[in-house]
N, C-alpha and C. Protein backbone atom coordinates (compact mmCIF):
# COMPACT_ATOMS: atom_id res chain seq x y z
N TRP A 1 -12.89 2.78 15.01
CA TRP A 1 -12.14 3.21 13.85
C TRP A 1 -10.67 3.39 14.20
N GLY A 2 -10.41 4.12 15.27
CA GLY A 2 -9.04 4.37 15.68
C GLY A 2 -8.28 3.10 16.00
N LEU A 3 -8.92 2.19 16.70
CA LEU A 3 -8.27 0.91 17.04
C LEU A 3 -7.99 0.10 15.78
N GLU A 4 -8.87 0.15 14.82
CA GLU A 4 -8.66 -0.58 13.56
C GLU A 4 -7.44 -0.03 12.82
N LEU A 5 -7.26 1.29 12.86
CA LEU A 5 -6.09 1.91 12.23
C LEU A 5 -4.80 1.54 12.97
N VAL A 6 -4.88 1.45 14.29
CA VAL A 6 -3.72 1.05 15.09
C VAL A 6 -3.32 -0.38 14.73
N LYS A 7 -4.30 -1.27 14.56
CA LYS A 7 -4.01 -2.65 14.16
C LYS A 7 -3.32 -2.68 12.79
N LEU A 8 -3.82 -1.87 11.86
CA LEU A 8 -3.22 -1.80 10.53
C LEU A 8 -1.77 -1.34 10.62
N GLU A 9 -1.53 -0.29 11.38
CA GLU A 9 -0.17 0.23 11.53
C GLU A 9 0.74 -0.81 12.20
N ALA A 10 0.24 -1.47 13.22
CA ALA A 10 1.05 -2.47 13.92
C ALA A 10 1.46 -3.60 12.98
N HIS A 11 0.53 -4.10 12.20
CA HIS A 11 0.85 -5.16 11.24
C HIS A 11 1.86 -4.68 10.21
N ALA A 12 1.64 -3.47 9.69
CA ALA A 12 2.54 -2.94 8.65
C ALA A 12 3.95 -2.73 9.20
N ARG A 13 4.06 -2.10 10.36
CA ARG A 13 5.38 -1.84 10.94
C ARG A 13 6.13 -3.12 11.30
N ALA A 14 5.38 -4.15 11.68
CA ALA A 14 6.00 -5.44 12.05
C ALA A 14 6.35 -6.28 10.83
N GLY A 15 5.94 -5.83 9.64
CA GLY A 15 6.22 -6.59 8.44
C GLY A 15 5.31 -7.77 8.23
N HIS A 16 4.16 -7.74 8.87
CA HIS A 16 3.15 -8.79 8.69
C HIS A 16 2.31 -8.41 7.47
N ALA A 17 2.87 -8.65 6.30
CA ALA A 17 2.29 -8.16 5.05
C ALA A 17 0.86 -8.64 4.82
N GLU A 18 0.64 -9.94 4.94
CA GLU A 18 -0.70 -10.46 4.68
C GLU A 18 -1.73 -9.94 5.68
N ALA A 19 -1.33 -9.84 6.94
CA ALA A 19 -2.24 -9.33 7.97
C ALA A 19 -2.55 -7.86 7.71
N ALA A 20 -1.54 -7.09 7.34
CA ALA A 20 -1.76 -5.66 7.06
C ALA A 20 -2.67 -5.50 5.85
N LEU A 21 -2.42 -6.26 4.81
CA LEU A 21 -3.25 -6.17 3.61
C LEU A 21 -4.69 -6.60 3.91
N GLY A 22 -4.84 -7.65 4.69
CA GLY A 22 -6.18 -8.09 5.09
C GLY A 22 -6.91 -7.05 5.92
N GLN A 23 -6.18 -6.43 6.84
CA GLN A 23 -6.78 -5.38 7.67
C GLN A 23 -7.19 -4.19 6.81
N LEU A 24 -6.34 -3.80 5.88
CA LEU A 24 -6.67 -2.68 5.00
C LEU A 24 -7.89 -2.99 4.15
N ARG A 25 -7.93 -4.18 3.59
CA ARG A 25 -9.09 -4.55 2.76
C ARG A 25 -10.38 -4.59 3.59
N ALA A 26 -10.28 -5.06 4.82
CA ALA A 26 -11.46 -5.07 5.70
C ALA A 26 -11.93 -3.65 5.97
N LEU A 27 -10.99 -2.75 6.22
CA LEU A 27 -11.36 -1.35 6.44
C LEU A 27 -11.97 -0.75 5.18
N MET A 28 -11.43 -1.09 4.03
CA MET A 28 -11.98 -0.58 2.77
C MET A 28 -13.42 -1.06 2.57
N ASP A 29 -13.69 -2.30 2.96
CA ASP A 29 -15.05 -2.83 2.84
C ASP A 29 -16.01 -2.16 3.82
N ARG A 30 -15.56 -2.00 5.07
CA ARG A 30 -16.42 -1.44 6.10
C ARG A 30 -16.58 0.07 6.03
N TYR A 31 -15.51 0.74 5.63
CA TYR A 31 -15.48 2.21 5.61
C TYR A 31 -14.99 2.70 4.25
N PRO A 32 -15.73 2.46 3.18
CA PRO A 32 -15.22 2.72 1.84
C PRO A 32 -14.82 4.17 1.56
N ASN A 33 -15.43 5.10 2.21
CA ASN A 33 -15.14 6.51 1.94
C ASN A 33 -14.35 7.19 3.05
N ARG A 34 -13.87 6.43 4.00
CA ARG A 34 -13.23 7.02 5.16
C ARG A 34 -11.70 6.95 5.15
N ILE A 35 -11.13 6.15 4.29
CA ILE A 35 -9.68 5.99 4.28
C ILE A 35 -9.07 7.02 3.34
N PRO A 36 -8.30 7.95 3.88
CA PRO A 36 -7.71 8.99 3.04
C PRO A 36 -6.46 8.51 2.32
N VAL A 37 -6.06 9.26 1.33
CA VAL A 37 -4.83 8.97 0.58
C VAL A 37 -3.65 8.83 1.53
N SER A 38 -3.60 9.68 2.53
CA SER A 38 -2.47 9.65 3.46
C SER A 38 -2.34 8.32 4.19
N GLN A 39 -3.44 7.62 4.41
CA GLN A 39 -3.37 6.32 5.08
C GLN A 39 -2.74 5.26 4.18
N TYR A 40 -3.11 5.27 2.92
CA TYR A 40 -2.50 4.33 1.98
C TYR A 40 -1.00 4.60 1.88
N SER A 41 -0.65 5.87 1.79
CA SER A 41 0.75 6.26 1.70
C SER A 41 1.52 5.83 2.94
N ALA A 42 0.98 6.12 4.12
CA ALA A 42 1.64 5.76 5.38
C ALA A 42 1.80 4.25 5.51
N THR A 43 0.77 3.50 5.19
CA THR A 43 0.83 2.05 5.29
C THR A 43 1.88 1.49 4.33
N ALA A 44 1.93 2.03 3.13
CA ALA A 44 2.94 1.59 2.15
C ALA A 44 4.35 1.88 2.66
N HIS A 45 4.57 3.05 3.22
CA HIS A 45 5.89 3.40 3.76
C HIS A 45 6.26 2.46 4.91
N GLN A 46 5.31 2.17 5.78
CA GLN A 46 5.59 1.29 6.92
C GLN A 46 5.94 -0.12 6.44
N LEU A 47 5.22 -0.61 5.45
CA LEU A 47 5.51 -1.94 4.92
C LEU A 47 6.87 -1.96 4.24
N ARG A 48 7.16 -0.95 3.46
CA ARG A 48 8.46 -0.90 2.76
C ARG A 48 9.60 -0.85 3.77
N ASP A 49 9.43 -0.03 4.80
CA ASP A 49 10.46 0.05 5.85
C ASP A 49 10.66 -1.28 6.56
N ALA A 50 9.61 -2.09 6.60
CA ALA A 50 9.68 -3.41 7.25
C ALA A 50 10.16 -4.49 6.28
N GLY A 51 10.54 -4.09 5.06
CA GLY A 51 11.05 -5.06 4.10
C GLY A 51 10.00 -5.74 3.25
N GLU A 52 8.81 -5.18 3.23
CA GLU A 52 7.71 -5.77 2.46
C GLU A 52 7.32 -4.85 1.30
N GLY A 53 8.29 -4.61 0.42
CA GLY A 53 8.10 -3.68 -0.69
C GLY A 53 7.01 -4.07 -1.67
N ALA A 54 6.90 -5.36 -1.97
CA ALA A 54 5.87 -5.81 -2.92
C ALA A 54 4.47 -5.53 -2.38
N THR A 55 4.27 -5.77 -1.09
CA THR A 55 2.97 -5.49 -0.49
C THR A 55 2.73 -3.99 -0.41
N ALA A 56 3.78 -3.22 -0.19
CA ALA A 56 3.65 -1.76 -0.19
C ALA A 56 3.12 -1.28 -1.53
N ILE A 57 3.62 -1.83 -2.61
CA ILE A 57 3.14 -1.45 -3.94
C ILE A 57 1.69 -1.85 -4.11
N GLU A 58 1.33 -3.00 -3.60
CA GLU A 58 -0.06 -3.45 -3.67
C GLU A 58 -0.98 -2.49 -2.91
N VAL A 59 -0.52 -2.00 -1.77
CA VAL A 59 -1.29 -1.02 -0.98
C VAL A 59 -1.47 0.27 -1.78
N LEU A 60 -0.40 0.74 -2.42
CA LEU A 60 -0.50 1.95 -3.23
C LEU A 60 -1.49 1.74 -4.38
N ASP A 61 -1.48 0.57 -4.97
CA ASP A 61 -2.42 0.26 -6.05
C ASP A 61 -3.86 0.28 -5.54
N LEU A 62 -4.09 -0.30 -4.37
CA LEU A 62 -5.44 -0.26 -3.79
C LEU A 62 -5.88 1.18 -3.56
N GLY A 63 -4.94 2.00 -3.08
CA GLY A 63 -5.25 3.41 -2.87
C GLY A 63 -5.59 4.13 -4.16
N LEU A 64 -4.85 3.84 -5.22
CA LEU A 64 -5.13 4.46 -6.52
C LEU A 64 -6.48 4.03 -7.08
N LYS A 65 -6.85 2.80 -6.80
CA LYS A 65 -8.17 2.34 -7.26
C LYS A 65 -9.28 3.08 -6.51
N ARG A 66 -9.03 3.40 -5.26
CA ARG A 66 -10.04 4.11 -4.46
C ARG A 66 -9.98 5.62 -4.71
N HIS A 67 -8.78 6.13 -4.99
CA HIS A 67 -8.56 7.56 -5.21
C HIS A 67 -7.81 7.74 -6.54
N PRO A 68 -8.47 7.50 -7.67
CA PRO A 68 -7.78 7.49 -8.95
C PRO A 68 -7.14 8.81 -9.36
N ASP A 69 -7.54 9.90 -8.77
CA ASP A 69 -6.98 11.21 -9.13
C ASP A 69 -5.86 11.65 -8.19
N SER A 70 -5.39 10.76 -7.34
CA SER A 70 -4.37 11.11 -6.35
C SER A 70 -2.99 11.25 -7.00
N ALA A 71 -2.51 12.45 -7.04
CA ALA A 71 -1.16 12.70 -7.56
C ALA A 71 -0.11 12.09 -6.63
N GLU A 72 -0.37 12.10 -5.33
CA GLU A 72 0.57 11.56 -4.35
C GLU A 72 0.78 10.06 -4.55
N LEU A 73 -0.30 9.30 -4.66
CA LEU A 73 -0.18 7.86 -4.85
C LEU A 73 0.43 7.54 -6.21
N ASP A 74 0.05 8.29 -7.22
CA ASP A 74 0.62 8.11 -8.55
C ASP A 74 2.12 8.37 -8.53
N ARG A 75 2.53 9.40 -7.82
CA ARG A 75 3.95 9.74 -7.69
C ARG A 75 4.71 8.62 -6.97
N LEU A 76 4.12 8.07 -5.91
CA LEU A 76 4.78 7.00 -5.16
C LEU A 76 4.93 5.73 -6.00
N ILE A 77 3.93 5.41 -6.79
CA ILE A 77 4.03 4.25 -7.69
C ILE A 77 5.13 4.50 -8.71
N GLY A 78 5.15 5.70 -9.28
CA GLY A 78 6.19 6.05 -10.25
C GLY A 78 7.57 5.98 -9.66
N ALA A 79 7.72 6.47 -8.44
CA ALA A 79 9.01 6.43 -7.76
C ALA A 79 9.43 4.99 -7.49
N ALA A 80 8.48 4.15 -7.13
CA ALA A 80 8.79 2.74 -6.87
C ALA A 80 9.27 2.05 -8.13
N SER A 81 8.71 2.42 -9.26
CA SER A 81 9.10 1.75 -10.50
C SER A 81 10.46 2.22 -11.00
N LYS A 82 10.93 3.36 -10.50
CA LYS A 82 12.23 3.89 -10.92
C LYS A 82 13.32 3.61 -9.89
N ALA A 83 12.95 3.32 -8.67
CA ALA A 83 13.92 3.09 -7.60
C ALA A 83 14.53 1.70 -7.76
N GLY A 84 15.52 1.43 -6.98
CA GLY A 84 16.15 0.11 -6.99
C GLY A 84 15.25 -0.90 -6.31
N VAL A 85 14.35 -1.49 -7.07
CA VAL A 85 13.39 -2.43 -6.49
C VAL A 85 13.93 -3.85 -6.59
N ASP A 86 13.50 -4.66 -5.65
CA ASP A 86 13.91 -6.06 -5.71
C ASP A 86 12.99 -6.82 -6.67
N SER A 87 13.28 -8.08 -6.88
CA SER A 87 12.53 -8.85 -7.88
C SER A 87 11.05 -9.00 -7.51
N ALA A 88 10.74 -9.12 -6.23
CA ALA A 88 9.34 -9.25 -5.81
C ALA A 88 8.56 -7.96 -6.09
N GLU A 89 9.22 -6.82 -5.84
CA GLU A 89 8.57 -5.53 -6.11
C GLU A 89 8.38 -5.35 -7.61
N LEU A 90 9.39 -5.68 -8.37
CA LEU A 90 9.30 -5.56 -9.83
C LEU A 90 8.19 -6.44 -10.37
N GLU A 91 8.09 -7.64 -9.87
CA GLU A 91 7.03 -8.55 -10.31
C GLU A 91 5.65 -8.00 -9.95
N MET A 92 5.53 -7.41 -8.76
CA MET A 92 4.25 -6.82 -8.36
C MET A 92 3.91 -5.65 -9.29
N LEU A 93 4.88 -4.79 -9.59
CA LEU A 93 4.66 -3.67 -10.51
C LEU A 93 4.22 -4.19 -11.88
N ARG A 94 4.85 -5.27 -12.35
CA ARG A 94 4.46 -5.87 -13.64
C ARG A 94 3.04 -6.42 -13.58
N SER A 95 2.75 -7.17 -12.52
CA SER A 95 1.44 -7.82 -12.43
C SER A 95 0.31 -6.81 -12.33
N LEU A 96 0.61 -5.63 -11.81
CA LEU A 96 -0.42 -4.59 -11.70
C LEU A 96 -0.43 -3.66 -12.92
N GLY A 97 0.49 -3.89 -13.85
CA GLY A 97 0.50 -3.13 -15.08
C GLY A 97 1.24 -1.80 -15.05
N TYR A 98 2.11 -1.61 -14.07
CA TYR A 98 2.82 -0.34 -13.96
C TYR A 98 4.13 -0.32 -14.75
N VAL A 99 4.71 -1.48 -15.01
CA VAL A 99 5.91 -1.59 -15.84
C VAL A 99 5.74 -2.81 -16.75
N GLU A 100 6.51 -2.80 -17.82
CA GLU A 100 6.45 -3.93 -18.74
C GLU A 100 7.60 -4.87 -18.51
């Protein structure tokens, strides 16, 4: 478990968006009830810091689907939709139904 989380963090911090997303989805499949809200939040922050804002939003959306009552993830999505987002982030927010 710990090594799998390290792989996720390494991909996210390096800006390997597809690899990070794939790793997260694999963890969600294998450990559906083990990934806390804080992991989705951390992974999204790491991806955004690495310049992968659209994938960060996708990670937050996956987290909200798994933890629909999470005020933290909801707040982060809301903040992303109000912040100065680039066109890829805006398109991701639109495609997921967070903005019109």
